[in-house]
Amino acid sequence: MGLFTLLSDTIYSYTGLSPVAFFTILALMVGIYHLVSGMFVSPEAIAAKTSLPPEPELPPGPIQIGEVTLDELRTYDGSDPKKPLLMAIKGNIYDVSRSRMFYGPGGPYALFAGRETSRALALMSFDHNDLTSNLDGLSASELEVLQDWEEKFKEKYVKVGHLVSEGITNSDNNLDDEKAGALQEPGPDTKSTVESLESK
């Protein structure tokens, strides 16, 4: 009680007002100050305060890219923000752009973007030497881990293409009519030669 009495006496001796009147006037003065100072703020500052932050730019939907070589796949590692983020498992390429915070630059799995990751996923490895499709020497349990990863990717991401070896594209697989005719049913001479070899 002594503090309240001291405060009341001090306010009365300096202002001649009761504490209730003093704090009421003080609150009104602060309100008027904010009202008047708000009138002199530039419209740009008001717009900056009230405007919403810009919407983050969403990547376009997955685009089918078809057959891609490893070198071409590496260009989809997130270094170009206009390109989708892609990664391959067992030769199938998936668009992981919607998980950019994980697979994009600076993300915990950024080293997988733009790469064939089968061996690394099977071994649960972050070693750059394991970023390959070589599955030689993996145990059955490691292959099962890889299968689980592949199933997760099939459920969550869109398959947009598949890997091909360097120099092999769809056009290399198309045969012209002359070559296709040579691969048709063997002639009678070939059949008789095969039958004579089988009887020996």
C-alpha atoms as a PDB file:
ATOM      1  CA  MET A   1       0.000   0.000   0.000  1.00  0.00           C
ATOM      2  CA  GLY A   2       2.907   2.294   0.661  1.00  0.00           C
ATOM      3  CA  LEU A   3       3.996   2.207  -2.985  1.00  0.00           C
ATOM      4  CA  PHE A   4       0.514   3.118  -4.273  1.00  0.00           C
ATOM      5  CA  THR A   5       0.284   6.016  -1.831  1.00  0.00           C
ATOM      6  CA  LEU A   6       3.750   7.243  -2.816  1.00  0.00           C
ATOM      7  CA  LEU A   7       2.848   7.012  -6.545  1.00  0.00           C
ATOM      8  CA  SER A   8      -0.485   8.818  -6.012  1.00  0.00           C
ATOM      9  CA  ASP A   9       1.171  11.617  -4.033  1.00  0.00           C
ATOM     10  CA  THR A  10       3.942  12.024  -6.631  1.00  0.00           C
ATOM     11  CA  ILE A  11       1.484  12.170  -9.556  1.00  0.00           C
ATOM     12  CA  TYR A  12      -0.712  14.696  -7.677  1.00  0.00           C
ATOM     13  CA  SER A  13       2.211  16.894  -6.662  1.00  0.00           C
ATOM     14  CA  TYR A  14       3.631  17.091 -10.224  1.00  0.00           C
ATOM     15  CA  THR A  15       0.388  17.208 -12.251  1.00  0.00           C
ATOM     16  CA  GLY A  16      -2.389  18.115  -9.871  1.00  0.00           C
ATOM     17  CA  LEU A  17      -4.343  15.079 -11.199  1.00  0.00           C
ATOM     18  CA  SER A  18      -5.556  11.910  -9.559  1.00  0.00           C
ATOM     19  CA  PRO A  19      -3.788   8.683 -10.746  1.00  0.00           C
ATOM     20  CA  VAL A  20      -6.924   7.578 -12.639  1.00  0.00           C
ATOM     21  CA  ALA A  21      -7.155  10.872 -14.539  1.00  0.00           C
ATOM     22  CA  PHE A  22      -3.384  10.875 -15.198  1.00  0.00           C
ATOM     23  CA  PHE A  23      -3.331   7.349 -16.754  1.00  0.00           C
ATOM     24  CA  THR A  24      -6.502   8.045 -18.745  1.00  0.00           C
ATOM     25  CA  ILE A  25      -4.945  11.158 -20.273  1.00  0.00           C
ATOM     26  CA  LEU A  26      -1.674   9.256 -20.904  1.00  0.00           C
ATOM     27  CA  ALA A  27      -3.529   6.463 -22.761  1.00  0.00           C
ATOM     28  CA  LEU A  28      -5.445   9.035 -24.863  1.00  0.00           C
ATOM     29  CA  MET A  29      -2.210  10.801 -25.793  1.00  0.00           C
ATOM     30  CA  VAL A  30      -0.563   7.544 -26.935  1.00  0.00           C
ATOM     31  CA  GLY A  31      -3.632   6.695 -29.036  1.00  0.00           C
ATOM     32  CA  ILE A  32      -3.732  10.136 -30.651  1.00  0.00           C
ATOM     33  CA  TYR A  33       0.012   9.941 -31.382  1.00  0.00           C
ATOM     34  CA  HIS A  34      -0.407   6.649 -33.266  1.00  0.00           C
ATOM     35  CA  LEU A  35      -3.440   7.959 -35.133  1.00  0.00           C
ATOM     36  CA  VAL A  36      -1.714  11.159 -36.266  1.00  0.00           C
ATOM     37  CA  SER A  37       1.628   9.513 -37.101  1.00  0.00           C
ATOM     38  CA  GLY A  38      -0.265   6.947 -39.188  1.00  0.00           C
ATOM     39  CA  MET A  39      -1.579   9.758 -41.383  1.00  0.00           C
ATOM     40  CA  PHE A  40       1.946  10.735 -42.425  1.00  0.00           C
ATOM     41  CA  VAL A  41       3.216   7.304 -43.440  1.00  0.00           C
ATOM     42  CA  SER A  42       3.893   6.799 -47.151  1.00  0.00           C
ATOM     43  CA  PRO A  43       1.417   4.586 -49.049  1.00  0.00           C
ATOM     44  CA  GLU A  44       4.287   2.247 -50.037  1.00  0.00           C
ATOM     45  CA  ALA A  45       5.056   1.525 -46.385  1.00  0.00           C
ATOM     46  CA  ILE A  46       1.390   0.777 -45.689  1.00  0.00           C
ATOM     47  CA  ALA A  47       1.179  -1.478 -48.742  1.00  0.00           C
ATOM     48  CA  ALA A  48       4.339  -3.292 -47.651  1.00  0.00           C
ATOM     49  CA  LYS A  49       2.863  -3.876 -44.190  1.00  0.00           C
ATOM     50  CA  THR A  50      -0.539  -5.059 -45.386  1.00  0.00           C
ATOM     51  CA  SER A  51       0.376  -6.970 -48.552  1.00  0.00           C
ATOM     52  CA  LEU A  52       0.601 -10.704 -48.442  1.00  0.00           C
ATOM     53  CA  PRO A  53       3.910 -12.378 -49.224  1.00  0.00           C
ATOM     54  CA  PRO A  54       4.124 -13.622 -52.809  1.00  0.00           C
ATOM     55  CA  GLU A  55       2.945 -17.152 -53.403  1.00  0.00           C
ATOM     56  CA  PRO A  56       5.835 -19.569 -53.794  1.00  0.00           C
ATOM     57  CA  GLU A  57       6.270 -20.601 -57.409  1.00  0.00           C
ATOM     58  CA  LEU A  58       5.108 -24.167 -57.763  1.00  0.00           C
ATOM     59  CA  PRO A  59       6.905 -26.333 -60.276  1.00  0.00           C
ATOM     60  CA  PRO A  60       4.790 -27.419 -63.228  1.00  0.00           C
ATOM     61  CA  GLY A  61       3.353 -30.917 -63.188  1.00  0.00           C
ATOM     62  CA  PRO A  62       5.615 -33.823 -64.096  1.00  0.00           C
ATOM     63  CA  ILE A  63       6.653 -33.877 -67.742  1.00  0.00           C
ATOM     64  CA  GLN A  64       7.406 -37.176 -69.458  1.00  0.00           C
ATOM     65  CA  ILE A  65      10.997 -37.099 -70.710  1.00  0.00           C
ATOM     66  CA  GLY A  66      11.223 -40.652 -72.082  1.00  0.00           C
ATOM     67  CA  GLU A  67      14.643 -42.181 -72.623  1.00  0.00           C
ATOM     68  CA  VAL A  68      17.534 -40.362 -70.986  1.00  0.00           C
ATOM     69  CA  THR A  69      21.243 -41.104 -70.600  1.00  0.00           C
ATOM     70  CA  LEU A  70      23.077 -40.695 -67.292  1.00  0.00           C
ATOM     71  CA  ASP A  71      24.754 -37.509 -68.536  1.00  0.00           C
ATOM     72  CA  GLU A  72      21.381 -36.036 -69.495  1.00  0.00           C
ATOM     73  CA  LEU A  73      19.911 -37.066 -66.123  1.00  0.00           C
ATOM     74  CA  ARG A  74      22.641 -35.147 -64.275  1.00  0.00           C
ATOM     75  CA  THR A  75      21.274 -31.866 -65.647  1.00  0.00           C
ATOM     76  CA  TYR A  76      18.130 -32.421 -63.533  1.00  0.00           C
ATOM     77  CA  ASP A  77      19.951 -32.105 -60.186  1.00  0.00           C
ATOM     78  CA  GLY A  78      18.229 -28.904 -59.032  1.00  0.00           C
ATOM     79  CA  SER A  79      20.975 -26.510 -60.106  1.00  0.00           C
ATOM     80  CA  ASP A  80      18.534 -25.036 -62.642  1.00  0.00           C
ATOM     81  CA  PRO A  81      15.335 -24.066 -60.747  1.00  0.00           C
ATOM     82  CA  LYS A  82      13.339 -24.122 -64.001  1.00  0.00           C
ATOM     83  CA  LYS A  83      14.013 -27.835 -64.530  1.00  0.00           C
ATOM     84  CA  PRO A  84      12.357 -30.597 -62.531  1.00  0.00           C
ATOM     85  CA  LEU A  85      14.282 -32.621 -59.961  1.00  0.00           C
ATOM     86  CA  LEU A  86      14.736 -36.175 -61.200  1.00  0.00           C
ATOM     87  CA  MET A  87      16.355 -39.307 -59.821  1.00  0.00           C
ATOM     88  CA  ALA A  88      16.511 -42.889 -61.031  1.00  0.00           C
ATOM     89  CA  ILE A  89      15.957 -46.203 -59.278  1.00  0.00           C
ATOM     90  CA  LYS A  90      16.615 -49.438 -61.180  1.00  0.00           C
ATOM     91  CA  GLY A  91      16.624 -47.498 -64.448  1.00  0.00           C
ATOM     92  CA  ASN A  92      13.241 -45.818 -63.863  1.00  0.00           C
ATOM     93  CA  ILE A  93      13.309 -42.030 -63.568  1.00  0.00           C
ATOM     94  CA  TYR A  94      11.021 -40.310 -61.059  1.00  0.00           C
ATOM     95  CA  ASP A  95      10.131 -36.614 -60.732  1.00  0.00           C
ATOM     96  CA  VAL A  96      10.865 -35.686 -57.093  1.00  0.00           C
ATOM     97  CA  SER A  97      10.289 -31.936 -57.596  1.00  0.00           C
ATOM     98  CA  ARG A  98       7.503 -31.828 -55.036  1.00  0.00           C
ATOM     99  CA  SER A  99      10.050 -32.828 -52.371  1.00  0.00           C
ATOM    100  CA  ARG A 100      12.521 -30.115 -53.355  1.00  0.00           C
ATOM    101  CA  MET A 101      13.312 -29.379 -49.702  1.00  0.00           C
ATOM    102  CA  PHE A 102      14.736 -32.919 -49.434  1.00  0.00           C
ATOM    103  CA  TYR A 103      16.262 -33.519 -52.887  1.00  0.00           C
ATOM    104  CA  GLY A 104      16.982 -29.947 -53.974  1.00  0.00           C
ATOM    105  CA  PRO A 105      20.224 -28.046 -53.411  1.00  0.00           C
ATOM    106  CA  GLY A 106      21.022 -27.895 -49.706  1.00  0.00           C
ATOM    107  CA  GLY A 107      18.576 -30.687 -48.880  1.00  0.00           C
ATOM    108  CA  PRO A 108      19.611 -33.783 -46.926  1.00  0.00           C
ATOM    109  CA  TYR A 109      19.269 -36.030 -50.014  1.00  0.00           C
ATOM    110  CA  ALA A 110      20.533 -33.528 -52.612  1.00  0.00           C
ATOM    111  CA  LEU A 111      23.295 -35.876 -53.759  1.00  0.00           C
ATOM    112  CA  PHE A 112      20.636 -38.273 -55.136  1.00  0.00           C
ATOM    113  CA  ALA A 113      19.110 -35.679 -57.499  1.00  0.00           C
ATOM    114  CA  GLY A 114      20.084 -36.184 -61.111  1.00  0.00           C
ATOM    115  CA  ARG A 115      21.640 -39.578 -60.395  1.00  0.00           C
ATOM    116  CA  GLU A 116      20.945 -43.325 -60.614  1.00  0.00           C
ATOM    117  CA  THR A 117      20.618 -44.240 -56.934  1.00  0.00           C
ATOM    118  CA  SER A 118      19.859 -47.971 -56.847  1.00  0.00           C
ATOM    119  CA  ARG A 119      22.999 -49.166 -55.073  1.00  0.00           C
ATOM    120  CA  ALA A 120      23.065 -46.223 -52.640  1.00  0.00           C
ATOM    121  CA  LEU A 121      19.445 -46.816 -51.604  1.00  0.00           C
ATOM    122  CA  ALA A 122      19.978 -50.569 -51.221  1.00  0.00           C
ATOM    123  CA  LEU A 123      22.995 -49.945 -48.969  1.00  0.00           C
ATOM    124  CA  MET A 124      21.396 -46.886 -47.302  1.00  0.00           C
ATOM    125  CA  SER A 125      24.602 -45.087 -48.253  1.00  0.00           C
ATOM    126  CA  PHE A 126      25.515 -41.458 -48.879  1.00  0.00           C
ATOM    127  CA  ASP A 127      28.806 -42.406 -50.519  1.00  0.00           C
ATOM    128  CA  HIS A 128      29.202 -40.896 -54.016  1.00  0.00           C
ATOM    129  CA  ASN A 129      30.763 -44.170 -55.203  1.00  0.00           C
ATOM    130  CA  ASP A 130      27.475 -45.961 -54.492  1.00  0.00           C
ATOM    131  CA  LEU A 131      25.463 -43.696 -56.815  1.00  0.00           C
ATOM    132  CA  THR A 132      25.210 -46.336 -59.528  1.00  0.00           C
ATOM    133  CA  SER A 133      22.879 -48.966 -60.921  1.00  0.00           C
ATOM    134  CA  ASN A 134      25.421 -51.757 -60.230  1.00  0.00           C
ATOM    135  CA  LEU A 135      23.739 -54.246 -57.906  1.00  0.00           C
ATOM    136  CA  ASP A 136      26.553 -56.839 -57.956  1.00  0.00           C
ATOM    137  CA  GLY A 137      27.458 -58.194 -54.556  1.00  0.00           C
ATOM    138  CA  LEU A 138      24.315 -57.036 -52.762  1.00  0.00           C
ATOM    139  CA  SER A 139      22.718 -59.416 -50.285  1.00  0.00           C
ATOM    140  CA  ALA A 140      19.099 -60.515 -50.420  1.00  0.00           C
ATOM    141  CA  SER A 141      18.190 -58.173 -47.562  1.00  0.00           C
ATOM    142  CA  GLU A 142      19.827 -55.220 -49.345  1.00  0.00           C
ATOM    143  CA  LEU A 143      17.919 -56.031 -52.524  1.00  0.00           C
ATOM    144  CA  GLU A 144      14.745 -56.153 -50.434  1.00  0.00           C
ATOM    145  CA  VAL A 145      15.535 -52.675 -49.050  1.00  0.00           C
ATOM    146  CA  LEU A 146      15.941 -51.453 -52.630  1.00  0.00           C
ATOM    147  CA  GLN A 147      12.603 -53.015 -53.576  1.00  0.00           C
ATOM    148  CA  ASP A 148      10.944 -51.196 -50.651  1.00  0.00           C
ATOM    149  CA  TRP A 149      12.434 -47.890 -51.838  1.00  0.00           C
ATOM    150  CA  GLU A 150      11.224 -48.528 -55.358  1.00  0.00           C
ATOM    151  CA  GLU A 151       7.689 -49.238 -54.124  1.00  0.00           C
ATOM    152  CA  LYS A 152       7.700 -46.008 -52.076  1.00  0.00           C
ATOM    153  CA  PHE A 153       8.795 -44.017 -55.106  1.00  0.00           C
ATOM    154  CA  LYS A 154       6.150 -45.642 -57.304  1.00  0.00           C
ATOM    155  CA  GLU A 155       3.472 -44.640 -54.782  1.00  0.00           C
ATOM    156  CA  LYS A 156       4.678 -41.094 -54.117  1.00  0.00           C
ATOM    157  CA  TYR A 157       6.256 -39.847 -57.357  1.00  0.00           C
ATOM    158  CA  VAL A 158       5.449 -39.932 -61.060  1.00  0.00           C
ATOM    159  CA  LYS A 159       7.656 -42.032 -63.324  1.00  0.00           C
ATOM    160  CA  VAL A 160       8.721 -39.732 -66.155  1.00  0.00           C
ATOM    161  CA  GLY A 161      11.189 -41.846 -68.107  1.00  0.00           C
ATOM    162  CA  HIS A 162      13.892 -44.473 -67.996  1.00  0.00           C
ATOM    163  CA  LEU A 163      17.653 -44.615 -68.351  1.00  0.00           C
ATOM    164  CA  VAL A 164      19.349 -45.898 -71.452  1.00  0.00           C
ATOM    165  CA  SER A 165      23.010 -46.629 -72.084  1.00  0.00           C
ATOM    166  CA  GLU A 166      25.103 -44.009 -73.819  1.00  0.00           C
ATOM    167  CA  GLY A 167      24.407 -44.027 -77.557  1.00  0.00           C
ATOM    168  CA  ILE A 168      21.315 -46.266 -77.346  1.00  0.00           C
ATOM    169  CA  THR A 169      18.068 -44.468 -78.021  1.00  0.00           C
ATOM    170  CA  ASN A 170      14.689 -45.498 -79.305  1.00  0.00           C
ATOM    171  CA  SER A 171      15.755 -44.718 -82.871  1.00  0.00           C
ATOM    172  CA  ASP A 172      18.562 -47.307 -82.551  1.00  0.00           C
ATOM    173  CA  ASN A 173      15.990 -49.932 -81.630  1.00  0.00           C
ATOM    174  CA  ASN A 174      13.897 -49.352 -84.760  1.00  0.00           C
ATOM    175  CA  LEU A 175      14.818 -51.669 -87.597  1.00  0.00           C
ATOM    176  CA  ASP A 176      14.303 -50.813 -91.228  1.00  0.00           C
ATOM    177  CA  ASP A 177      12.303 -53.181 -93.414  1.00  0.00           C
ATOM    178  CA  GLU A 178      15.354 -54.853 -94.913  1.00  0.00           C
ATOM    179  CA  LYS A 179      16.834 -55.794 -91.513  1.00  0.00           C
ATOM    180  CA  ALA A 180      13.452 -56.804 -90.161  1.00  0.00           C
ATOM    181  CA  GLY A 181      12.923 -59.170 -93.103  1.00  0.00           C
ATOM    182  CA  ALA A 182      16.236 -60.863 -92.375  1.00  0.00           C
ATOM    183  CA  LEU A 183      15.119 -61.582 -88.808  1.00  0.00           C
ATOM    184  CA  GLN A 184      11.854 -63.262 -89.775  1.00  0.00           C
ATOM    185  CA  GLU A 185      11.151 -66.997 -89.834  1.00  0.00           C
ATOM    186  CA  PRO A 186      14.251 -68.985 -90.881  1.00  0.00           C
ATOM    187  CA  GLY A 187      14.195 -70.518 -94.341  1.00  0.00           C
ATOM    188  CA  PRO A 188      14.023 -74.284 -95.087  1.00  0.00           C
ATOM    189  CA  ASP A 189      17.802 -74.598 -95.439  1.00  0.00           C
ATOM    190  CA  THR A 190      18.356 -73.211 -91.939  1.00  0.00           C
ATOM    191  CA  LYS A 191      15.706 -75.531 -90.464  1.00  0.00           C
ATOM    192  CA  SER A 192      17.287 -78.627 -91.974  1.00  0.00           C
ATOM    193  CA  THR A 193      20.737 -77.586 -90.698  1.00  0.00           C
ATOM    194  CA  VAL A 194      19.401 -77.096 -87.176  1.00  0.00           C
ATOM    195  CA  GLU A 195      17.583 -80.459 -87.265  1.00  0.00           C
ATOM    196  CA  SER A 196      20.735 -82.304 -88.421  1.00  0.00           C
ATOM    197  CA  LEU A 197      22.759 -80.696 -85.602  1.00  0.00           C
ATOM    198  CA  GLU A 198      20.137 -81.636 -83.010  1.00  0.00           C
ATOM    199  CA  SER A 199      20.130 -85.279 -84.117  1.00  0.00           C
ATOM    200  CA  LYS A 200      23.894 -85.598 -83.561  1.00  0.00           C
END
